[in-house]
Amino acid sequence: MKMLPSSLMNKHWKWGIFILLALTILLLPLPAQSAQASEKYIQIQASSYEYNPGVVRVKPGERVTLELTSTDVTHGIYIDGYNLEVIAEPGQTQTLSFVADQTGTFRLRCSVTCGALHPFMTGKLQVGTNALLWKSIAIAALGIAVVIWTVRT
């Protein structure tokens, strides 16, 4: 049986540790954020095929009230995954309240045909943290540390 040189075995061992730690990061859940019966009011303006703000971030369990104001033509918001909708006429404000009981990122889209670019009028509802982003950052930092560790020894 042929033996590997010790320097090569050291590098394999270090990469093995990296793989184990990376799998641990991927499989362990992030700490849950708990919203204790808090409420969040968000004003959203709809005009010219966009929502302002385009991304709405809330905590899991929060009672969310969206106040939709249309500034030009009739617009709506439909929240994919929640199956909720609100429609506002020009110059009017309509509200939609719900509990953010599902975590993840959900698409907001205009539910009223409002012109030629209507299909592109979208936004995002982010409930909770972006776990994939934070796990990716942790794995990248871990990879950089292993590369530095391997090069130095």
Protein backbone atom coordinates (compact mmCIF):
# COMPACT_ATOMS: atom_id res chain seq x y z
CA MET A 1 0.00 0.00 0.00
CA LYS A 2 1.38 3.37 -1.04
CA MET A 3 1.50 6.10 1.65
CA LEU A 4 0.84 9.75 0.91
CA PRO A 5 3.47 12.29 1.95
CA SER A 6 2.68 13.88 5.32
CA SER A 7 2.26 17.37 3.83
CA LEU A 8 -0.38 16.05 1.43
CA MET A 9 -2.13 14.18 4.26
CA ASN A 10 -2.17 17.41 6.31
CA LYS A 11 -3.91 19.26 3.46
CA HIS A 12 -6.49 16.49 3.04
CA TRP A 13 -7.15 16.51 6.79
CA LYS A 14 -7.68 20.29 6.79
CA TRP A 15 -10.10 20.10 3.86
CA GLY A 16 -11.94 17.29 5.62
CA ILE A 17 -12.43 19.57 8.63
CA PHE A 18 -13.63 22.32 6.28
CA ILE A 19 -16.21 20.01 4.70
CA LEU A 20 -17.48 18.88 8.10
CA LEU A 21 -17.79 22.45 9.39
CA ALA A 22 -19.46 23.61 6.14
CA LEU A 23 -22.04 20.81 6.40
CA THR A 24 -22.65 21.75 10.03
CA ILE A 25 -23.26 25.39 9.04
CA LEU A 26 -25.67 24.34 6.27
CA LEU A 27 -27.66 21.92 8.40
CA LEU A 28 -27.95 23.84 11.66
CA PRO A 29 -30.89 26.25 11.80
CA LEU A 30 -30.36 29.91 12.59
CA PRO A 31 -31.72 31.08 15.93
CA ALA A 32 -35.42 31.87 15.63
CA GLN A 33 -36.50 35.46 15.86
CA SER A 34 -39.54 35.84 17.99
CA ALA A 35 -41.85 38.76 17.66
CA GLN A 36 -43.88 39.16 20.79
CA ALA A 37 -47.21 40.38 19.47
CA SER A 38 -45.58 43.38 17.82
CA GLU A 39 -47.15 45.30 14.99
CA LYS A 40 -45.51 46.80 11.94
CA TYR A 41 -47.08 49.46 9.69
CA ILE A 42 -45.58 49.85 6.24
CA GLN A 43 -46.59 52.51 3.75
CA ILE A 44 -46.13 51.44 0.15
CA GLN A 45 -46.51 53.78 -2.81
CA ALA A 46 -47.40 52.24 -6.16
CA SER A 47 -46.62 54.19 -9.31
CA SER A 48 -45.08 53.75 -12.75
CA TYR A 49 -44.64 49.99 -12.44
CA GLU A 50 -42.84 49.98 -9.09
CA TYR A 51 -43.44 49.77 -5.38
CA ASN A 52 -41.68 52.06 -2.96
CA PRO A 53 -40.22 50.45 -0.90
CA GLY A 54 -39.61 47.46 -3.15
CA VAL A 55 -38.56 45.17 -0.31
CA VAL A 56 -40.55 44.82 2.91
CA ARG A 57 -38.80 43.12 5.85
CA VAL A 58 -40.73 41.86 8.86
CA LYS A 59 -40.16 39.47 11.74
CA PRO A 60 -41.94 36.12 12.02
CA GLY A 61 -45.11 36.43 14.09
CA GLU A 62 -45.50 40.19 13.59
CA ARG A 63 -48.90 41.63 12.77
CA VAL A 64 -48.25 43.50 9.52
CA THR A 65 -50.40 46.28 8.09
CA LEU A 66 -49.60 47.36 4.55
CA GLU A 67 -50.94 50.75 3.51
CA LEU A 68 -51.02 50.84 -0.29
CA THR A 69 -51.30 54.22 -1.98
CA SER A 70 -51.60 54.51 -5.75
CA THR A 71 -50.27 57.73 -7.25
CA ASP A 72 -51.19 57.29 -10.92
CA VAL A 73 -53.57 54.45 -11.92
CA THR A 74 -55.28 51.61 -10.08
CA HIS A 75 -52.70 49.24 -8.58
CA GLY A 76 -52.89 46.22 -6.35
CA ILE A 77 -50.62 44.02 -4.31
CA TYR A 78 -50.93 40.26 -4.28
CA ILE A 79 -48.66 38.40 -1.84
CA ASP A 80 -47.61 35.03 -3.23
CA GLY A 81 -47.64 32.31 -0.58
CA TYR A 82 -50.08 34.21 1.61
CA ASN A 83 -52.78 34.53 -1.07
CA LEU A 84 -53.69 38.04 0.09
CA GLU A 85 -54.59 41.03 -2.05
CA VAL A 86 -55.34 44.72 -1.71
CA ILE A 87 -56.30 47.20 -4.47
CA ALA A 88 -55.98 50.99 -4.36
CA GLU A 89 -57.54 53.50 -6.75
CA PRO A 90 -55.53 56.58 -7.81
CA GLY A 91 -54.99 58.93 -4.87
CA GLN A 92 -56.54 56.46 -2.44
CA THR A 93 -55.00 54.40 0.36
CA GLN A 94 -56.14 50.88 1.20
CA THR A 95 -54.88 48.68 4.02
CA LEU A 96 -54.17 44.98 4.31
CA SER A 97 -53.42 43.35 7.67
CA PHE A 98 -52.08 39.87 8.30
CA VAL A 99 -49.82 37.92 10.64
CA ALA A 100 -46.43 37.01 9.16
CA ASP A 101 -46.71 33.35 10.12
CA GLN A 102 -44.65 31.94 7.23
CA THR A 103 -40.91 32.56 7.01
CA GLY A 104 -39.08 33.11 3.76
CA THR A 105 -39.14 35.51 0.84
CA PHE A 106 -42.44 36.07 -0.95
CA ARG A 107 -43.09 37.94 -4.18
CA LEU A 108 -45.33 41.00 -4.18
CA ARG A 109 -46.92 41.60 -7.55
CA CYS A 110 -49.43 44.02 -8.96
CA SER A 111 -52.80 42.32 -9.20
CA VAL A 112 -54.42 44.89 -11.53
CA THR A 113 -53.33 45.29 -15.14
CA CYS A 114 -51.85 48.78 -14.97
CA GLY A 115 -50.12 49.22 -18.32
CA ALA A 116 -47.55 47.79 -20.70
CA LEU A 117 -44.93 47.02 -18.01
CA HIS A 118 -47.45 45.55 -15.56
CA PRO A 119 -45.80 42.08 -15.48
CA PHE A 120 -42.59 43.68 -14.17
CA MET A 121 -44.24 45.45 -11.23
CA THR A 122 -43.00 43.26 -8.41
CA GLY A 123 -41.50 43.54 -4.95
CA LYS A 124 -40.49 41.26 -2.08
CA LEU A 125 -41.81 40.45 1.37
CA GLN A 126 -39.02 39.00 3.51
CA VAL A 127 -40.20 37.33 6.71
CA GLY A 128 -37.27 36.55 9.01
CA THR A 129 -33.59 36.62 8.19
CA ASN A 130 -32.13 35.61 4.86
CA ALA A 131 -30.64 32.33 6.13
CA LEU A 132 -29.04 31.39 2.81
CA LEU A 133 -27.11 34.66 2.69
CA TRP A 134 -25.73 34.32 6.23
CA LYS A 135 -24.85 30.66 5.77
CA SER A 136 -23.07 31.46 2.49
CA ILE A 137 -21.05 34.22 4.17
CA ALA A 138 -20.08 31.84 7.01
CA ILE A 139 -18.97 29.11 4.57
CA ALA A 140 -16.98 31.61 2.47
CA ALA A 141 -15.20 32.90 5.60
CA LEU A 142 -14.52 29.33 6.68
CA GLY A 143 -13.09 28.51 3.22
CA ILE A 144 -10.79 31.52 3.31
CA ALA A 145 -9.57 30.51 6.78
CA VAL A 146 -8.82 26.96 5.59
CA VAL A 147 -6.94 28.22 2.52
CA ILE A 148 -4.82 30.54 4.69
CA TRP A 149 -4.24 27.71 7.19
CA THR A 150 -3.21 25.32 4.39
CA VAL A 151 -0.86 27.81 2.72
CA ARG A 152 0.89 28.75 5.99
CA THR A 153 1.70 25.17 6.98
